[in-house]
Amino acid sequence: MTDATATLAFVDFLATAIFAMTGALVASRKQLDMLAFVWFAAATGIGGGTLRDLLLDVPVFWIINPVYLSICIIVAVVMHFAASLVASRQTWILWADAFGMAFAAVVGTAKALELGASALVAVAMGLFSATAGGIIRDTLGQEPSIILRPEIYMSATVLGAVTVVGGHWLGQPMTLSMFVGFCVALTVRLAAIQFDLKLPVYKPRKGRPWGRNS
């Protein structure tokens, strides 16, 4: 294993742990038992990658390498006893989640490209990898989903994925394309958190309610 491969594997494990932690925090807010903590942590930590691999019709990553599932279980157990200590550091959690999102986006995109997927499909796989776990987490926890919040989250994911695709199209090494894409996604998301940036939302014109002709 080369140094670059080892570094990517370590960061991938770290991103899984971060996502698992956010899932366990939802379980803590619902005051659930330890098995529920494990379920929320696993659904969030490996859910996005699982959807990606199923759609790409390749072996699911955590079945090949159970370390990912082990990380989710360990995080869930630790959070069952330490959730109150972590939950009080909301800003830190948001920044950590941004890190996990950015890395999952570029990994999902790169994996799709290496399997010969088109640019559009690769970007979609990056988006699914970075957000599907959070959507599952929020749905199970009956909390507002990330796709229903006017935050710069999915758009940061897409920008990172597009950057990876662009680097690949220009013939750059995949590791370099992933690094640049990661920096783009992370920077955009952190800027949105720091400065409370949001995208414009749709607002219907007054006097034109849905389902009624004027």
N, C-alpha and C. Protein backbone atom coordinates (compact mmCIF):
# COMPACT_ATOMS: atom_id res chain seq x y z
N MET A 1 0.84 -1.19 0.00
CA MET A 1 0.00 0.00 0.00
C MET A 1 0.88 1.25 0.00
N THR A 2 0.64 2.14 -0.96
CA THR A 2 1.43 3.36 -1.04
C THR A 2 0.99 4.34 0.05
N ASP A 3 1.83 5.35 0.27
CA ASP A 3 1.50 6.37 1.28
C ASP A 3 0.20 7.08 0.94
N ALA A 4 0.00 7.38 -0.37
CA ALA A 4 -1.22 8.08 -0.79
C ALA A 4 -2.46 7.21 -0.53
N THR A 5 -2.35 5.92 -0.84
CA THR A 5 -3.48 5.01 -0.62
C THR A 5 -3.79 4.88 0.86
N ALA A 6 -2.75 4.78 1.67
CA ALA A 6 -2.94 4.68 3.11
C ALA A 6 -3.59 5.93 3.68
N THR A 7 -3.19 7.09 3.17
CA THR A 7 -3.77 8.35 3.63
C THR A 7 -5.24 8.43 3.27
N LEU A 8 -5.58 8.04 2.02
CA LEU A 8 -6.97 8.07 1.59
C LEU A 8 -7.83 7.12 2.44
N ALA A 9 -7.28 5.94 2.74
CA ALA A 9 -8.02 4.98 3.55
C ALA A 9 -8.28 5.54 4.95
N PHE A 10 -7.25 6.17 5.53
CA PHE A 10 -7.41 6.75 6.87
C PHE A 10 -8.48 7.84 6.87
N VAL A 11 -8.42 8.72 5.88
CA VAL A 11 -9.39 9.81 5.81
C VAL A 11 -10.80 9.27 5.57
N ASP A 12 -10.90 8.20 4.77
CA ASP A 12 -12.19 7.57 4.52
C ASP A 12 -12.77 7.01 5.82
N PHE A 13 -11.94 6.37 6.61
CA PHE A 13 -12.39 5.86 7.91
C PHE A 13 -12.83 7.02 8.81
N LEU A 14 -12.07 8.10 8.78
CA LEU A 14 -12.40 9.25 9.61
C LEU A 14 -13.73 9.86 9.20
N ALA A 15 -13.97 9.98 7.88
CA ALA A 15 -15.23 10.52 7.40
C ALA A 15 -16.40 9.63 7.82
N THR A 16 -16.20 8.32 7.77
CA THR A 16 -17.24 7.38 8.22
C THR A 16 -17.56 7.60 9.69
N ALA A 17 -16.51 7.77 10.50
CA ALA A 17 -16.70 7.99 11.94
C ALA A 17 -17.47 9.28 12.20
N ILE A 18 -17.16 10.32 11.44
CA ILE A 18 -17.84 11.61 11.62
C ILE A 18 -19.32 11.48 11.30
N PHE A 19 -19.64 10.85 10.17
CA PHE A 19 -21.05 10.66 9.82
C PHE A 19 -21.76 9.79 10.86
N ALA A 20 -21.08 8.74 11.31
CA ALA A 20 -21.68 7.86 12.32
C ALA A 20 -21.98 8.64 13.60
N MET A 21 -21.09 9.55 13.95
CA MET A 21 -21.29 10.36 15.15
C MET A 21 -22.54 11.21 15.03
N THR A 22 -22.76 11.83 13.86
CA THR A 22 -23.96 12.65 13.70
C THR A 22 -25.22 11.81 13.78
N GLY A 23 -25.15 10.56 13.31
CA GLY A 23 -26.29 9.67 13.43
C GLY A 23 -26.57 9.30 14.87
N ALA A 24 -25.50 9.01 15.62
CA ALA A 24 -25.66 8.66 17.03
C ALA A 24 -26.21 9.84 17.83
N LEU A 25 -25.87 11.05 17.44
CA LEU A 25 -26.39 12.22 18.14
C LEU A 25 -27.90 12.35 17.98
N VAL A 26 -28.42 11.96 16.82
CA VAL A 26 -29.87 11.96 16.64
C VAL A 26 -30.50 10.94 17.59
N ALA A 27 -29.88 9.77 17.70
CA ALA A 27 -30.39 8.76 18.63
C ALA A 27 -30.38 9.27 20.06
N SER A 28 -29.36 10.06 20.40
CA SER A 28 -29.29 10.60 21.77
C SER A 28 -30.40 11.61 22.02
N ARG A 29 -30.72 12.42 21.00
CA ARG A 29 -31.79 13.39 21.17
C ARG A 29 -33.16 12.70 21.34
N LYS A 30 -33.28 11.51 20.75
CA LYS A 30 -34.52 10.75 20.87
C LYS A 30 -34.53 9.86 22.10
N GLN A 31 -33.40 9.87 22.86
CA GLN A 31 -33.27 9.08 24.08
C GLN A 31 -33.54 7.60 23.81
N LEU A 32 -32.80 7.05 22.85
CA LEU A 32 -32.97 5.65 22.44
C LEU A 32 -31.93 4.76 23.11
N ASP A 33 -32.10 3.43 22.94
CA ASP A 33 -31.17 2.49 23.55
C ASP A 33 -29.93 2.31 22.67
N MET A 34 -28.98 1.49 23.15
CA MET A 34 -27.70 1.37 22.47
C MET A 34 -27.83 0.75 21.08
N LEU A 35 -28.72 -0.21 20.91
CA LEU A 35 -28.90 -0.81 19.59
C LEU A 35 -29.41 0.22 18.59
N ALA A 36 -30.27 1.11 19.04
CA ALA A 36 -30.75 2.18 18.17
C ALA A 36 -29.60 3.13 17.82
N PHE A 37 -28.72 3.37 18.77
CA PHE A 37 -27.53 4.17 18.49
C PHE A 37 -26.73 3.54 17.35
N VAL A 38 -26.54 2.22 17.44
CA VAL A 38 -25.78 1.51 16.40
C VAL A 38 -26.48 1.63 15.05
N TRP A 39 -27.81 1.49 15.05
CA TRP A 39 -28.57 1.58 13.80
C TRP A 39 -28.43 2.97 13.17
N PHE A 40 -28.60 4.01 13.97
CA PHE A 40 -28.48 5.36 13.44
C PHE A 40 -27.05 5.65 12.97
N ALA A 41 -26.07 5.20 13.74
CA ALA A 41 -24.68 5.44 13.37
C ALA A 41 -24.33 4.74 12.07
N ALA A 42 -24.76 3.48 11.92
CA ALA A 42 -24.46 2.72 10.71
C ALA A 42 -25.21 3.27 9.50
N ALA A 43 -26.48 3.61 9.70
CA ALA A 43 -27.27 4.14 8.59
C ALA A 43 -26.67 5.43 8.05
N THR A 44 -26.16 6.25 8.94
CA THR A 44 -25.56 7.52 8.53
C THR A 44 -24.13 7.33 8.02
N GLY A 45 -23.36 6.49 8.71
CA GLY A 45 -21.95 6.34 8.37
C GLY A 45 -21.71 5.62 7.06
N ILE A 46 -22.52 4.61 6.74
CA ILE A 46 -22.28 3.82 5.54
C ILE A 46 -23.47 3.83 4.57
N GLY A 47 -24.53 4.56 4.93
CA GLY A 47 -25.73 4.55 4.09
C GLY A 47 -25.50 5.12 2.69
N GLY A 48 -24.80 6.27 2.62
CA GLY A 48 -24.58 6.89 1.32
C GLY A 48 -23.72 6.03 0.41
N GLY A 49 -22.64 5.47 0.95
CA GLY A 49 -21.78 4.61 0.15
C GLY A 49 -22.47 3.33 -0.28
N THR A 50 -23.36 2.83 0.58
CA THR A 50 -24.12 1.63 0.23
C THR A 50 -25.02 1.89 -0.97
N LEU A 51 -25.74 3.00 -0.95
CA LEU A 51 -26.60 3.37 -2.08
C LEU A 51 -25.76 3.53 -3.35
N ARG A 52 -24.62 4.20 -3.22
CA ARG A 52 -23.73 4.39 -4.37
C ARG A 52 -23.32 3.06 -4.99
N ASP A 53 -22.87 2.12 -4.17
CA ASP A 53 -22.38 0.85 -4.69
C ASP A 53 -23.50 0.01 -5.29
N LEU A 54 -24.69 0.08 -4.67
CA LEU A 54 -25.83 -0.65 -5.23
C LEU A 54 -26.21 -0.10 -6.60
N LEU A 55 -26.20 1.22 -6.74
CA LEU A 55 -26.55 1.83 -8.02
C LEU A 55 -25.49 1.56 -9.08
N LEU A 56 -24.23 1.49 -8.66
CA LEU A 56 -23.14 1.20 -9.59
C LEU A 56 -22.99 -0.30 -9.87
N ASP A 57 -23.77 -1.10 -9.15
CA ASP A 57 -23.75 -2.56 -9.31
C ASP A 57 -22.36 -3.14 -9.05
N VAL A 58 -21.78 -2.72 -7.94
CA VAL A 58 -20.48 -3.26 -7.51
C VAL A 58 -20.64 -3.77 -6.07
N PRO A 59 -19.73 -4.62 -5.61
CA PRO A 59 -19.82 -5.11 -4.22
C PRO A 59 -19.84 -3.96 -3.23
N VAL A 60 -20.72 -4.04 -2.25
CA VAL A 60 -20.86 -2.98 -1.25
C VAL A 60 -19.59 -2.92 -0.41
N PHE A 61 -19.05 -1.72 -0.26
CA PHE A 61 -17.72 -1.53 0.30
C PHE A 61 -17.56 -2.08 1.71
N TRP A 62 -18.56 -1.94 2.55
CA TRP A 62 -18.40 -2.37 3.94
C TRP A 62 -18.57 -3.87 4.11
N ILE A 63 -19.12 -4.54 3.11
CA ILE A 63 -19.17 -5.99 3.14
C ILE A 63 -17.80 -6.56 2.79
N ILE A 64 -17.12 -5.90 1.86
CA ILE A 64 -15.75 -6.30 1.51
C ILE A 64 -14.78 -5.98 2.64
N ASN A 65 -14.97 -4.82 3.25
CA ASN A 65 -14.09 -4.38 4.33
C ASN A 65 -14.94 -4.02 5.55
N PRO A 66 -15.16 -4.98 6.45
CA PRO A 66 -16.03 -4.75 7.61
C PRO A 66 -15.51 -3.70 8.60
N VAL A 67 -14.31 -3.17 8.36
CA VAL A 67 -13.78 -2.13 9.25
C VAL A 67 -14.73 -0.94 9.31
N TYR A 68 -15.36 -0.63 8.19
CA TYR A 68 -16.28 0.50 8.16
C TYR A 68 -17.45 0.28 9.12
N LEU A 69 -18.01 -0.94 9.11
CA LEU A 69 -19.11 -1.24 10.01
C LEU A 69 -18.63 -1.25 11.46
N SER A 70 -17.43 -1.77 11.68
CA SER A 70 -16.87 -1.79 13.03
C SER A 70 -16.71 -0.37 13.58
N ILE A 71 -16.28 0.56 12.71
CA ILE A 71 -16.13 1.96 13.12
C ILE A 71 -17.48 2.52 13.57
N CYS A 72 -18.53 2.23 12.82
CA CYS A 72 -19.86 2.73 13.18
C CYS A 72 -20.31 2.18 14.52
N ILE A 73 -20.05 0.90 14.76
CA ILE A 73 -20.45 0.29 16.02
C ILE A 73 -19.69 0.91 17.19
N ILE A 74 -18.38 1.07 17.02
CA ILE A 74 -17.56 1.66 18.08
C ILE A 74 -18.01 3.08 18.39
N VAL A 75 -18.24 3.86 17.35
CA VAL A 75 -18.69 5.24 17.55
C VAL A 75 -20.03 5.26 18.28
N ALA A 76 -20.94 4.36 17.90
CA ALA A 76 -22.26 4.32 18.54
C ALA A 76 -22.14 4.02 20.03
N VAL A 77 -21.29 3.05 20.38
CA VAL A 77 -21.13 2.68 21.78
C VAL A 77 -20.53 3.85 22.58
N VAL A 78 -19.50 4.48 22.02
CA VAL A 78 -18.87 5.61 22.70
C VAL A 78 -19.86 6.75 22.88
N MET A 79 -20.63 7.04 21.83
CA MET A 79 -21.58 8.15 21.89
C MET A 79 -22.72 7.87 22.85
N HIS A 80 -23.03 6.60 23.07
CA HIS A 80 -24.10 6.27 24.01
C HIS A 80 -23.76 6.77 25.42
N PHE A 81 -22.47 6.86 25.70
CA PHE A 81 -22.04 7.32 27.02
C PHE A 81 -21.52 8.77 27.01
N ALA A 82 -21.18 9.27 25.83
CA ALA A 82 -20.54 10.60 25.76
C ALA A 82 -21.30 11.60 24.90
N ALA A 83 -22.51 11.28 24.49
CA ALA A 83 -23.25 12.17 23.58
C ALA A 83 -23.44 13.56 24.15
N SER A 84 -23.69 13.65 25.46
CA SER A 84 -23.94 14.96 26.07
C SER A 84 -22.70 15.85 25.98
N LEU A 85 -21.52 15.26 26.02
CA LEU A 85 -20.29 16.05 25.93
C LEU A 85 -20.07 16.58 24.52
N VAL A 86 -20.43 15.76 23.53
CA VAL A 86 -20.22 16.15 22.13
C VAL A 86 -21.30 17.10 21.66
N ALA A 87 -22.55 16.85 22.06
CA ALA A 87 -23.68 17.64 21.58
C ALA A 87 -23.55 19.12 21.93
N SER A 88 -22.83 19.43 22.99
CA SER A 88 -22.68 20.83 23.41
C SER A 88 -21.74 21.61 22.50
N ARG A 89 -21.04 20.90 21.63
CA ARG A 89 -20.09 21.55 20.72
C ARG A 89 -20.67 21.57 19.31
N GLN A 90 -21.76 22.31 19.14
CA GLN A 90 -22.51 22.29 17.89
C GLN A 90 -21.69 22.79 16.71
N THR A 91 -20.92 23.86 16.91
CA THR A 91 -20.11 24.40 15.81
C THR A 91 -19.08 23.38 15.35
N TRP A 92 -18.45 22.71 16.30
CA TRP A 92 -17.47 21.69 15.96
C TRP A 92 -18.11 20.56 15.16
N ILE A 93 -19.33 20.19 15.53
CA ILE A 93 -20.04 19.12 14.82
C ILE A 93 -20.31 19.52 13.38
N LEU A 94 -20.75 20.76 13.17
CA LEU A 94 -21.03 21.23 11.82
C LEU A 94 -19.77 21.22 10.95
N TRP A 95 -18.65 21.63 11.54
CA TRP A 95 -17.41 21.66 10.79
C TRP A 95 -16.93 20.24 10.48
N ALA A 96 -17.08 19.34 11.44
CA ALA A 96 -16.69 17.95 11.21
C ALA A 96 -17.56 17.31 10.13
N ASP A 97 -18.86 17.61 10.18
CA ASP A 97 -19.77 17.09 9.17
C ASP A 97 -19.41 17.61 7.78
N ALA A 98 -18.97 18.86 7.70
CA ALA A 98 -18.54 19.43 6.42
C ALA A 98 -17.34 18.65 5.86
N PHE A 99 -16.43 18.28 6.74
CA PHE A 99 -15.28 17.48 6.33
C PHE A 99 -15.74 16.14 5.77
N GLY A 100 -16.63 15.46 6.49
CA GLY A 100 -17.12 14.18 6.03
C GLY A 100 -17.86 14.28 4.71
N MET A 101 -18.69 15.32 4.58
CA MET A 101 -19.43 15.53 3.35
C MET A 101 -18.51 15.72 2.16
N ALA A 102 -17.49 16.57 2.32
CA ALA A 102 -16.58 16.87 1.22
C ALA A 102 -15.82 15.63 0.78
N PHE A 103 -15.37 14.84 1.75
CA PHE A 103 -14.60 13.66 1.38
C PHE A 103 -15.49 12.60 0.73
N ALA A 104 -16.69 12.39 1.27
CA ALA A 104 -17.60 11.41 0.69
C ALA A 104 -17.97 11.79 -0.74
N ALA A 105 -18.12 13.08 -0.99
CA ALA A 105 -18.48 13.54 -2.33
C ALA A 105 -17.41 13.19 -3.35
N VAL A 106 -16.15 13.44 -3.02
CA VAL A 106 -15.09 13.20 -3.99
C VAL A 106 -14.81 11.71 -4.14
N VAL A 107 -14.94 10.95 -3.06
CA VAL A 107 -14.73 9.50 -3.15
C VAL A 107 -15.80 8.87 -4.03
N GLY A 108 -17.05 9.25 -3.81
CA GLY A 108 -18.13 8.71 -4.63
C GLY A 108 -17.97 9.05 -6.10
N THR A 109 -17.57 10.27 -6.38
CA THR A 109 -17.37 10.71 -7.76
C THR A 109 -16.22 9.95 -8.41
N ALA A 110 -15.11 9.85 -7.69
CA ALA A 110 -13.92 9.17 -8.22
C ALA A 110 -14.21 7.70 -8.49
N LYS A 111 -14.93 7.05 -7.59
CA LYS A 111 -15.23 5.63 -7.77
C LYS A 111 -16.07 5.42 -9.02
N ALA A 112 -17.05 6.29 -9.23
CA ALA A 112 -17.90 6.18 -10.42
C ALA A 112 -17.09 6.38 -11.70
N LEU A 113 -16.20 7.38 -11.69
CA LEU A 113 -15.36 7.63 -12.87
C LEU A 113 -14.44 6.46 -13.17
N GLU A 114 -13.87 5.87 -12.13
CA GLU A 114 -12.96 4.75 -12.34
C GLU A 114 -13.69 3.52 -12.86
N LEU A 115 -15.00 3.46 -12.64
CA LEU A 115 -15.80 2.35 -13.17
C LEU A 115 -16.34 2.65 -14.56
N GLY A 116 -15.96 3.80 -15.11
CA GLY A 116 -16.36 4.14 -16.47
C GLY A 116 -17.68 4.87 -16.59
N ALA A 117 -18.21 5.39 -15.49
CA ALA A 117 -19.48 6.13 -15.54
C ALA A 117 -19.29 7.47 -16.23
N SER A 118 -20.38 7.99 -16.77
CA SER A 118 -20.33 9.31 -17.41
C SER A 118 -20.14 10.39 -16.36
N ALA A 119 -19.83 11.59 -16.83
CA ALA A 119 -19.59 12.71 -15.92
C ALA A 119 -20.83 12.99 -15.07
N LEU A 120 -22.01 12.98 -15.70
CA LEU A 120 -23.24 13.29 -14.98
C LEU A 120 -23.53 12.24 -13.91
N VAL A 121 -23.35 10.98 -14.27
CA VAL A 121 -23.58 9.90 -13.30
C VAL A 121 -22.58 9.98 -12.16
N ALA A 122 -21.33 10.32 -12.48
CA ALA A 122 -20.29 10.43 -11.45
C ALA A 122 -20.64 11.53 -10.44
N VAL A 123 -21.14 12.66 -10.94
CA VAL A 123 -21.54 13.74 -10.03
C VAL A 123 -22.71 13.29 -9.16
N ALA A 124 -23.66 12.57 -9.76
CA ALA A 124 -24.80 12.06 -8.99
C ALA A 124 -24.34 11.09 -7.91
N MET A 125 -23.35 10.25 -8.23
CA MET A 125 -22.84 9.30 -7.23
C MET A 125 -22.13 10.04 -6.09
N GLY A 126 -21.45 11.12 -6.43
CA GLY A 126 -20.83 11.93 -5.39
C GLY A 126 -21.87 12.55 -4.48
N LEU A 127 -22.96 13.03 -5.08
CA LEU A 127 -24.04 13.63 -4.30
C LEU A 127 -24.71 12.60 -3.40
N PHE A 128 -24.99 11.42 -3.95
CA PHE A 128 -25.62 10.38 -3.15
C PHE A 128 -24.71 9.94 -2.01
N SER A 129 -23.44 9.77 -2.30
CA SER A 129 -22.50 9.33 -1.27
C SER A 129 -22.45 10.28 -0.09
N ALA A 130 -22.52 11.57 -0.38
CA ALA A 130 -22.36 12.59 0.66
C ALA A 130 -23.64 12.92 1.41
N THR A 131 -24.79 12.65 0.80
CA THR A 131 -26.04 13.12 1.41
C THR A 131 -27.04 12.02 1.78
N ALA A 132 -26.95 10.86 1.15
CA ALA A 132 -27.98 9.83 1.38
C ALA A 132 -28.00 9.37 2.83
N GLY A 133 -26.82 9.21 3.43
CA GLY A 133 -26.78 8.79 4.83
C GLY A 133 -27.47 9.79 5.74
N GLY A 134 -27.23 11.08 5.49
CA GLY A 134 -27.87 12.11 6.29
C GLY A 134 -29.37 12.15 6.09
N ILE A 135 -29.82 11.88 4.87
CA ILE A 135 -31.25 11.86 4.59
C ILE A 135 -31.91 10.70 5.34
N ILE A 136 -31.25 9.53 5.32
CA ILE A 136 -31.77 8.37 6.06
C ILE A 136 -31.83 8.69 7.55
N ARG A 137 -30.75 9.29 8.06
CA ARG A 137 -30.69 9.66 9.48
C ARG A 137 -31.84 10.59 9.86
N ASP A 138 -32.04 11.64 9.08
CA ASP A 138 -33.07 12.62 9.41
C ASP A 138 -34.47 12.05 9.27
N THR A 139 -34.66 11.17 8.28
CA THR A 139 -35.97 10.55 8.09
C THR A 139 -36.31 9.63 9.25
N LEU A 140 -35.34 8.80 9.65
CA LEU A 140 -35.56 7.89 10.77
C LEU A 140 -35.79 8.67 12.07
N GLY A 141 -35.07 9.77 12.23
CA GLY A 141 -35.19 10.57 13.44
C GLY A 141 -36.31 11.58 13.41
N GLN A 142 -37.06 11.60 12.30
CA GLN A 142 -38.18 12.53 12.14
C GLN A 142 -37.74 13.97 12.37
N GLU A 143 -36.60 14.30 11.75
CA GLU A 143 -36.07 15.65 11.81
C GLU A 143 -36.05 16.23 10.40
N PRO A 144 -36.06 17.57 10.27
CA PRO A 144 -36.03 18.18 8.94
C PRO A 144 -34.81 17.71 8.16
N SER A 145 -35.04 17.16 6.98
CA SER A 145 -33.95 16.62 6.17
C SER A 145 -33.06 17.74 5.64
N ILE A 146 -31.81 17.40 5.37
CA ILE A 146 -30.88 18.39 4.83
C ILE A 146 -31.34 18.92 3.47
N ILE A 147 -32.11 18.13 2.74
CA ILE A 147 -32.57 18.60 1.43
C ILE A 147 -33.74 19.57 1.55
N LEU A 148 -34.29 19.69 2.76
CA LEU A 148 -35.41 20.61 2.98
C LEU A 148 -34.99 21.87 3.71
N ARG A 149 -33.68 22.04 3.91
CA ARG A 149 -33.18 23.23 4.58
C ARG A 149 -32.54 24.15 3.54
N PRO A 150 -32.75 25.46 3.66
CA PRO A 150 -32.16 26.39 2.69
C PRO A 150 -30.68 26.64 2.96
N GLU A 151 -29.92 25.56 3.04
CA GLU A 151 -28.49 25.68 3.34
C GLU A 151 -27.66 25.33 2.11
N ILE A 152 -26.45 25.84 2.08
CA ILE A 152 -25.52 25.47 1.02
C ILE A 152 -24.83 24.19 1.48
N TYR A 153 -25.44 23.07 1.15
CA TYR A 153 -24.92 21.75 1.52
C TYR A 153 -24.79 20.88 0.27
N MET A 154 -25.94 20.60 -0.35
CA MET A 154 -25.89 19.79 -1.56
C MET A 154 -25.14 20.51 -2.68
N SER A 155 -25.29 21.82 -2.75
CA SER A 155 -24.59 22.57 -3.79
C SER A 155 -23.08 22.50 -3.59
N ALA A 156 -22.62 22.51 -2.33
CA ALA A 156 -21.19 22.35 -2.06
C ALA A 156 -20.73 20.97 -2.50
N THR A 157 -21.57 19.96 -2.26
CA THR A 157 -21.26 18.60 -2.69
C THR A 157 -21.10 18.52 -4.21
N VAL A 158 -22.06 19.12 -4.90
CA VAL A 158 -22.03 19.09 -6.37
C VAL A 158 -20.80 19.82 -6.91
N LEU A 159 -20.45 20.96 -6.32
CA LEU A 159 -19.27 21.69 -6.78
C LEU A 159 -18.01 20.86 -6.60
N GLY A 160 -17.90 20.16 -5.49
CA GLY A 160 -16.75 19.30 -5.28
C GLY A 160 -16.71 18.17 -6.29
N ALA A 161 -17.86 17.56 -6.54
CA ALA A 161 -17.93 16.47 -7.50
C ALA A 161 -17.60 16.94 -8.92
N VAL A 162 -18.13 18.09 -9.29
CA VAL A 162 -17.85 18.65 -10.63
C VAL A 162 -16.36 18.95 -10.78
N THR A 163 -15.73 19.41 -9.71
CA THR A 163 -14.29 19.68 -9.75
C THR A 163 -13.50 18.40 -10.02
N VAL A 164 -13.90 17.30 -9.38
CA VAL A 164 -13.24 16.02 -9.62
C VAL A 164 -13.41 15.59 -11.08
N VAL A 165 -14.62 15.72 -11.58
CA VAL A 165 -14.89 15.37 -12.98
C VAL A 165 -14.06 16.24 -13.92
N GLY A 166 -13.98 17.54 -13.61
CA GLY A 166 -13.20 18.45 -14.45
C GLY A 166 -11.73 18.09 -14.47
N GLY A 167 -11.18 17.76 -13.30
CA GLY A 167 -9.78 17.36 -13.24
C GLY A 167 -9.53 16.08 -14.02
N HIS A 168 -10.46 15.14 -13.92
CA HIS A 168 -10.34 13.89 -14.68
C HIS A 168 -10.40 14.15 -16.17
N TRP A 169 -11.30 15.03 -16.60
CA TRP A 169 -11.44 15.36 -18.01
C TRP A 169 -10.18 16.03 -18.55
N LEU A 170 -9.50 16.81 -17.69
CA LEU A 170 -8.27 17.48 -18.10
C LEU A 170 -7.05 16.56 -18.03
N GLY A 171 -7.25 15.33 -17.61
CA GLY A 171 -6.16 14.37 -17.57
C GLY A 171 -5.29 14.44 -16.33
N GLN A 172 -5.80 15.07 -15.27
CA GLN A 172 -5.03 15.17 -14.04
C GLN A 172 -5.10 13.84 -13.27
N PRO A 173 -4.08 13.55 -12.46
CA PRO A 173 -4.13 12.33 -11.63
C PRO A 173 -5.36 12.37 -10.73
N MET A 174 -5.98 11.21 -10.53
CA MET A 174 -7.22 11.17 -9.76
C MET A 174 -7.01 11.67 -8.34
N THR A 175 -5.86 11.35 -7.75
CA THR A 175 -5.60 11.82 -6.38
C THR A 175 -5.60 13.34 -6.30
N LEU A 176 -5.00 13.98 -7.29
CA LEU A 176 -4.97 15.44 -7.32
C LEU A 176 -6.37 16.00 -7.54
N SER A 177 -7.12 15.41 -8.44
CA SER A 177 -8.49 15.87 -8.70
C SER A 177 -9.34 15.75 -7.45
N MET A 178 -9.16 14.65 -6.72
CA MET A 178 -9.91 14.45 -5.48
C MET A 178 -9.53 15.48 -4.43
N PHE A 179 -8.25 15.77 -4.34
CA PHE A 179 -7.80 16.75 -3.34
C PHE A 179 -8.38 18.13 -3.63
N VAL A 180 -8.32 18.54 -4.89
CA VAL A 180 -8.85 19.86 -5.25
C VAL A 180 -10.37 19.89 -5.05
N GLY A 181 -11.05 18.82 -5.46
CA GLY A 181 -12.50 18.75 -5.28
C GLY A 181 -12.89 18.79 -3.81
N PHE A 182 -12.12 18.10 -2.99
CA PHE A 182 -12.35 18.11 -1.55
C PHE A 182 -12.21 19.53 -0.99
N CYS A 183 -11.16 20.23 -1.40
CA CYS A 183 -10.94 21.60 -0.92
C CYS A 183 -12.06 22.53 -1.34
N VAL A 184 -12.55 22.36 -2.58
CA VAL A 184 -13.64 23.20 -3.07
C VAL A 184 -14.91 22.96 -2.25
N ALA A 185 -15.30 21.70 -2.10
CA ALA A 185 -16.52 21.38 -1.36
C ALA A 185 -16.43 21.83 0.09
N LEU A 186 -15.28 21.57 0.72
CA LEU A 186 -15.12 21.93 2.12
C LEU A 186 -15.12 23.45 2.31
N THR A 187 -14.44 24.16 1.44
CA THR A 187 -14.37 25.62 1.55
C THR A 187 -15.74 26.26 1.39
N VAL A 188 -16.50 25.80 0.41
CA VAL A 188 -17.84 26.35 0.18
C VAL A 188 -18.75 26.08 1.37
N ARG A 189 -18.69 24.86 1.89
CA ARG A 189 -19.56 24.53 3.02
C ARG A 189 -19.16 25.28 4.29
N LEU A 190 -17.86 25.39 4.56
CA LEU A 190 -17.41 26.12 5.74
C LEU A 190 -17.74 27.61 5.64
N ALA A 191 -17.62 28.16 4.44
CA ALA A 191 -17.98 29.57 4.24
C ALA A 191 -19.48 29.78 4.51
N ALA A 192 -20.28 28.81 4.07
CA ALA A 192 -21.72 28.91 4.30
C ALA A 192 -22.05 28.87 5.79
N ILE A 193 -21.32 28.01 6.54
CA ILE A 193 -21.53 27.93 7.98
C ILE A 193 -21.08 29.21 8.67
N GLN A 194 -19.89 29.66 8.30
CA GLN A 194 -19.30 30.82 8.97
C GLN A 194 -20.08 32.09 8.73
N PHE A 195 -20.54 32.28 7.49
CA PHE A 195 -21.21 33.53 7.13
C PHE A 195 -22.72 33.38 6.94
N ASP A 196 -23.25 32.20 7.31
CA ASP A 196 -24.69 31.94 7.20
C ASP A 196 -25.20 32.20 5.78
N LEU A 197 -24.48 31.67 4.81
CA LEU A 197 -24.86 31.84 3.41
C LEU A 197 -25.95 30.86 3.02
N LYS A 198 -26.88 31.31 2.21
CA LYS A 198 -27.97 30.45 1.75
C LYS A 198 -28.27 30.77 0.30
N LEU A 199 -28.77 29.79 -0.41
CA LEU A 199 -29.20 30.01 -1.78
C LEU A 199 -30.61 30.60 -1.80
N PRO A 200 -30.95 31.36 -2.84
CA PRO A 200 -32.32 31.89 -2.94
C PRO A 200 -33.32 30.74 -3.01
N VAL A 201 -34.47 30.92 -2.40
CA VAL A 201 -35.51 29.89 -2.41
C VAL A 201 -36.69 30.36 -3.25
N TYR A 202 -37.47 29.39 -3.70
CA TYR A 202 -38.65 29.71 -4.49
C TYR A 202 -39.74 30.33 -3.62
N LYS A 203 -40.33 31.39 -4.12
CA LYS A 203 -41.46 32.02 -3.45
C LYS A 203 -42.54 32.29 -4.49
N PRO A 204 -43.73 31.69 -4.33
CA PRO A 204 -44.80 31.90 -5.32
C PRO A 204 -45.27 33.34 -5.31
N ARG A 205 -45.68 33.80 -6.48
CA ARG A 205 -46.19 35.16 -6.57
C ARG A 205 -47.52 35.28 -5.85
N LYS A 206 -47.76 36.42 -5.23
CA LYS A 206 -49.00 36.64 -4.52
C LYS A 206 -50.17 36.61 -5.49
N GLY A 207 -51.24 35.98 -5.04
CA GLY A 207 -52.43 35.91 -5.89
C GLY A 207 -52.40 34.79 -6.89
N ARG A 208 -51.32 33.94 -6.85
CA ARG A 208 -51.24 32.82 -7.79
C ARG A 208 -51.04 31.53 -7.03
N PRO A 209 -52.00 31.11 -6.20
CA PRO A 209 -51.86 29.87 -5.43
C PRO A 209 -51.84 28.66 -6.35
N TRP A 210 -51.24 27.59 -5.90
CA TRP A 210 -51.16 26.36 -6.67
C TRP A 210 -52.55 25.80 -6.92
N GLY A 211 -52.71 25.25 -8.12
CA GLY A 211 -53.93 24.54 -8.44
C GLY A 211 -55.10 25.44 -8.78
N ARG A 212 -54.82 26.71 -9.06
CA ARG A 212 -55.93 27.62 -9.37
C ARG A 212 -55.54 28.47 -10.56
N ASN A 213 -56.37 28.51 -11.56
CA ASN A 213 -56.10 29.29 -12.76
C ASN A 213 -56.46 30.74 -12.53
N SER A 214 -55.67 31.63 -13.11
CA SER A 214 -55.96 33.06 -12.96
C SER A 214 -56.61 33.60 -14.22
